[in-house]
Amino acid sequence: MKRVEITEEASKVLEQLKQKHDTLIFHQSGGCCDGSAPMILEKEDMYLDESDILLGTLNDVNFYMSQDQFEYWKHTHLTVDVTEGRGASFSLEIPLGLRFLIKSRLLTPEEEAFFNAS
């Protein structure tokens, strides 16, 4: 089971970015700049510490979220998608005239038991 996935269209954009940049990471923004949006950055441009949680990997790119934000999102399944438009973040897709966004749904009972077993 996966907690985070990516649409085919967003996957194409991600592959394009991987060709242009070094090692990338996704980090789910906590509300600054462009609201709560997934940002893709070169790994060395983002400081990660023990408060960041690895939620999964999308096309060999790790997807992180802060522990505080995860507390609000732990009952959701996330899908990274892409849309036209320029967000207000430093995310690498912005110069392409695109921005990544998150679509979410509640976890199914089976997913909830798998991911959030106490």
C-alpha atoms as a PDB file:
ATOM      1  CA  MET A   1       0.000   0.000   0.000  1.00  0.00           C
ATOM      2  CA  LYS A   2       1.096   3.522  -0.738  1.00  0.00           C
ATOM      3  CA  ARG A   3       0.305   6.663   1.223  1.00  0.00           C
ATOM      4  CA  VAL A   4       1.282   8.967  -1.649  1.00  0.00           C
ATOM      5  CA  GLU A   5       1.000   8.495  -5.419  1.00  0.00           C
ATOM      6  CA  ILE A   6       1.408  10.586  -8.555  1.00  0.00           C
ATOM      7  CA  THR A   7      -0.784  11.057 -11.619  1.00  0.00           C
ATOM      8  CA  GLU A   8       0.515  10.186 -15.068  1.00  0.00           C
ATOM      9  CA  GLU A   9       0.610  13.853 -16.113  1.00  0.00           C
ATOM     10  CA  ALA A  10       2.510  14.903 -12.966  1.00  0.00           C
ATOM     11  CA  SER A  11       4.848  11.948 -13.457  1.00  0.00           C
ATOM     12  CA  LYS A  12       5.786  13.266 -16.919  1.00  0.00           C
ATOM     13  CA  VAL A  13       6.640  16.674 -15.442  1.00  0.00           C
ATOM     14  CA  LEU A  14       8.652  15.020 -12.685  1.00  0.00           C
ATOM     15  CA  GLU A  15      10.662  13.026 -15.220  1.00  0.00           C
ATOM     16  CA  GLN A  16      11.361  16.240 -17.151  1.00  0.00           C
ATOM     17  CA  LEU A  17      12.656  17.891 -13.961  1.00  0.00           C
ATOM     18  CA  LYS A  18      14.804  14.875 -13.117  1.00  0.00           C
ATOM     19  CA  GLN A  19      16.572  15.242 -16.471  1.00  0.00           C
ATOM     20  CA  LYS A  20      17.428  18.877 -15.739  1.00  0.00           C
ATOM     21  CA  HIS A  21      18.310  18.827 -12.021  1.00  0.00           C
ATOM     22  CA  ASP A  22      20.393  16.820  -9.590  1.00  0.00           C
ATOM     23  CA  THR A  23      18.818  14.714  -6.847  1.00  0.00           C
ATOM     24  CA  LEU A  24      15.284  15.941  -6.137  1.00  0.00           C
ATOM     25  CA  ILE A  25      12.912  15.723  -3.200  1.00  0.00           C
ATOM     26  CA  PHE A  26       9.256  16.587  -2.706  1.00  0.00           C
ATOM     27  CA  HIS A  27       8.301  18.376   0.488  1.00  0.00           C
ATOM     28  CA  GLN A  28       4.687  19.078   1.347  1.00  0.00           C
ATOM     29  CA  SER A  29       4.509  22.765   2.169  1.00  0.00           C
ATOM     30  CA  GLY A  30       2.848  23.636   5.435  1.00  0.00           C
ATOM     31  CA  GLY A  31       1.022  26.733   4.231  1.00  0.00           C
ATOM     32  CA  CYS A  32       3.687  29.334   3.508  1.00  0.00           C
ATOM     33  CA  CYS A  33       3.772  31.053   0.117  1.00  0.00           C
ATOM     34  CA  ASP A  34       1.468  28.889  -2.000  1.00  0.00           C
ATOM     35  CA  GLY A  35      -0.784  27.457   0.679  1.00  0.00           C
ATOM     36  CA  SER A  36      -0.354  23.765   1.313  1.00  0.00           C
ATOM     37  CA  ALA A  37       1.317  22.583  -1.886  1.00  0.00           C
ATOM     38  CA  PRO A  38       3.912  19.955  -2.733  1.00  0.00           C
ATOM     39  CA  MET A  39       7.204  21.582  -3.625  1.00  0.00           C
ATOM     40  CA  ILE A  40       9.951  19.876  -5.566  1.00  0.00           C
ATOM     41  CA  LEU A  41      13.460  21.051  -4.851  1.00  0.00           C
ATOM     42  CA  GLU A  42      17.006  19.909  -5.337  1.00  0.00           C
ATOM     43  CA  LYS A  43      17.837  17.838  -2.270  1.00  0.00           C
ATOM     44  CA  GLU A  44      20.674  20.116  -1.169  1.00  0.00           C
ATOM     45  CA  ASP A  45      18.302  23.119  -1.217  1.00  0.00           C
ATOM     46  CA  MET A  46      16.077  21.655   1.510  1.00  0.00           C
ATOM     47  CA  TYR A  47      17.192  21.053   5.071  1.00  0.00           C
ATOM     48  CA  LEU A  48      15.585  17.887   6.423  1.00  0.00           C
ATOM     49  CA  ASP A  49      15.764  16.859  10.065  1.00  0.00           C
ATOM     50  CA  GLU A  50      14.175  14.360  12.428  1.00  0.00           C
ATOM     51  CA  SER A  51      10.867  16.266  12.279  1.00  0.00           C
ATOM     52  CA  ASP A  52      10.434  15.413   8.573  1.00  0.00           C
ATOM     53  CA  ILE A  53       8.648  12.170   7.725  1.00  0.00           C
ATOM     54  CA  LEU A  54       9.234  10.177   4.544  1.00  0.00           C
ATOM     55  CA  LEU A  55       5.758   9.326   3.224  1.00  0.00           C
ATOM     56  CA  GLY A  56       6.857   7.499   0.107  1.00  0.00           C
ATOM     57  CA  THR A  57       8.765   7.625  -3.133  1.00  0.00           C
ATOM     58  CA  LEU A  58       7.454   8.867  -6.478  1.00  0.00           C
ATOM     59  CA  ASN A  59       9.559   7.930  -9.523  1.00  0.00           C
ATOM     60  CA  ASP A  60      12.598   7.518  -7.243  1.00  0.00           C
ATOM     61  CA  VAL A  61      11.989  10.935  -5.635  1.00  0.00           C
ATOM     62  CA  ASN A  62      11.350  10.923  -1.872  1.00  0.00           C
ATOM     63  CA  PHE A  63       8.231  12.725  -0.615  1.00  0.00           C
ATOM     64  CA  TYR A  64       8.468  14.307   2.851  1.00  0.00           C
ATOM     65  CA  MET A  65       6.145  16.130   5.216  1.00  0.00           C
ATOM     66  CA  SER A  66       6.825  17.716   8.597  1.00  0.00           C
ATOM     67  CA  GLN A  67       5.710  15.778  11.667  1.00  0.00           C
ATOM     68  CA  ASP A  68       3.366  18.600  12.755  1.00  0.00           C
ATOM     69  CA  GLN A  69       1.613  18.669   9.406  1.00  0.00           C
ATOM     70  CA  PHE A  70       1.471  14.883   9.258  1.00  0.00           C
ATOM     71  CA  GLU A  71      -0.631  14.904  12.429  1.00  0.00           C
ATOM     72  CA  TYR A  72      -3.355  16.662  10.421  1.00  0.00           C
ATOM     73  CA  TRP A  73      -2.935  14.501   7.297  1.00  0.00           C
ATOM     74  CA  LYS A  74      -2.276  11.052   8.781  1.00  0.00           C
ATOM     75  CA  HIS A  75      -5.761   9.828   7.875  1.00  0.00           C
ATOM     76  CA  THR A  76      -5.438  10.780   4.190  1.00  0.00           C
ATOM     77  CA  HIS A  77      -4.083   9.307   0.986  1.00  0.00           C
ATOM     78  CA  LEU A  78      -2.293  11.911  -1.157  1.00  0.00           C
ATOM     79  CA  THR A  79      -2.003  12.115  -4.930  1.00  0.00           C
ATOM     80  CA  VAL A  80       0.393  14.566  -6.555  1.00  0.00           C
ATOM     81  CA  ASP A  81      -1.097  16.142  -9.671  1.00  0.00           C
ATOM     82  CA  VAL A  82      -0.116  19.087 -11.859  1.00  0.00           C
ATOM     83  CA  THR A  83      -2.025  22.037 -13.280  1.00  0.00           C
ATOM     84  CA  GLU A  84      -1.264  25.057 -15.408  1.00  0.00           C
ATOM     85  CA  GLY A  85      -0.450  28.222 -13.542  1.00  0.00           C
ATOM     86  CA  ARG A  86       2.348  29.772 -11.611  1.00  0.00           C
ATOM     87  CA  GLY A  87       2.357  29.136  -7.914  1.00  0.00           C
ATOM     88  CA  ALA A  88       4.031  31.446  -5.437  1.00  0.00           C
ATOM     89  CA  SER A  89       6.676  29.000  -4.259  1.00  0.00           C
ATOM     90  CA  PHE A  90      10.270  28.160  -5.128  1.00  0.00           C
ATOM     91  CA  SER A  91       9.281  24.788  -6.552  1.00  0.00           C
ATOM     92  CA  LEU A  92      11.195  23.752  -9.676  1.00  0.00           C
ATOM     93  CA  GLU A  93       8.138  23.264 -11.915  1.00  0.00           C
ATOM     94  CA  ILE A  94       7.119  26.948 -11.667  1.00  0.00           C
ATOM     95  CA  PRO A  95       9.313  28.131 -14.603  1.00  0.00           C
ATOM     96  CA  LEU A  96       7.465  25.597 -16.795  1.00  0.00           C
ATOM     97  CA  GLY A  97       4.210  27.507 -16.191  1.00  0.00           C
ATOM     98  CA  LEU A  98       2.954  24.592 -14.088  1.00  0.00           C
ATOM     99  CA  ARG A  99       2.492  23.804 -10.440  1.00  0.00           C
ATOM    100  CA  PHE A 100       2.107  20.622  -8.509  1.00  0.00           C
ATOM    101  CA  LEU A 101      -0.927  20.221  -6.267  1.00  0.00           C
ATOM    102  CA  ILE A 102      -2.256  17.627  -3.852  1.00  0.00           C
ATOM    103  CA  LYS A 103      -5.499  15.750  -4.176  1.00  0.00           C
ATOM    104  CA  SER A 104      -6.464  13.931  -1.020  1.00  0.00           C
ATOM    105  CA  ARG A 105      -9.001  11.409   0.163  1.00  0.00           C
ATOM    106  CA  LEU A 106      -9.575   9.672   3.457  1.00  0.00           C
ATOM    107  CA  LEU A 107      -7.797   6.375   3.886  1.00  0.00           C
ATOM    108  CA  THR A 108      -9.941   3.291   3.419  1.00  0.00           C
ATOM    109  CA  PRO A 109     -10.454   1.193   6.576  1.00  0.00           C
ATOM    110  CA  GLU A 110      -7.835  -1.250   5.263  1.00  0.00           C
ATOM    111  CA  GLU A 111      -5.322   1.543   4.609  1.00  0.00           C
ATOM    112  CA  GLU A 112      -6.063   3.107   7.990  1.00  0.00           C
ATOM    113  CA  ALA A 113      -5.348  -0.197   9.740  1.00  0.00           C
ATOM    114  CA  PHE A 114      -2.145  -0.685   7.726  1.00  0.00           C
ATOM    115  CA  PHE A 115      -0.697   2.819   8.172  1.00  0.00           C
ATOM    116  CA  ASN A 116      -1.986   3.856  11.578  1.00  0.00           C
ATOM    117  CA  ALA A 117      -1.939   0.688  13.625  1.00  0.00           C
ATOM    118  CA  SER A 118      -1.166   1.544  17.242  1.00  0.00           C
END
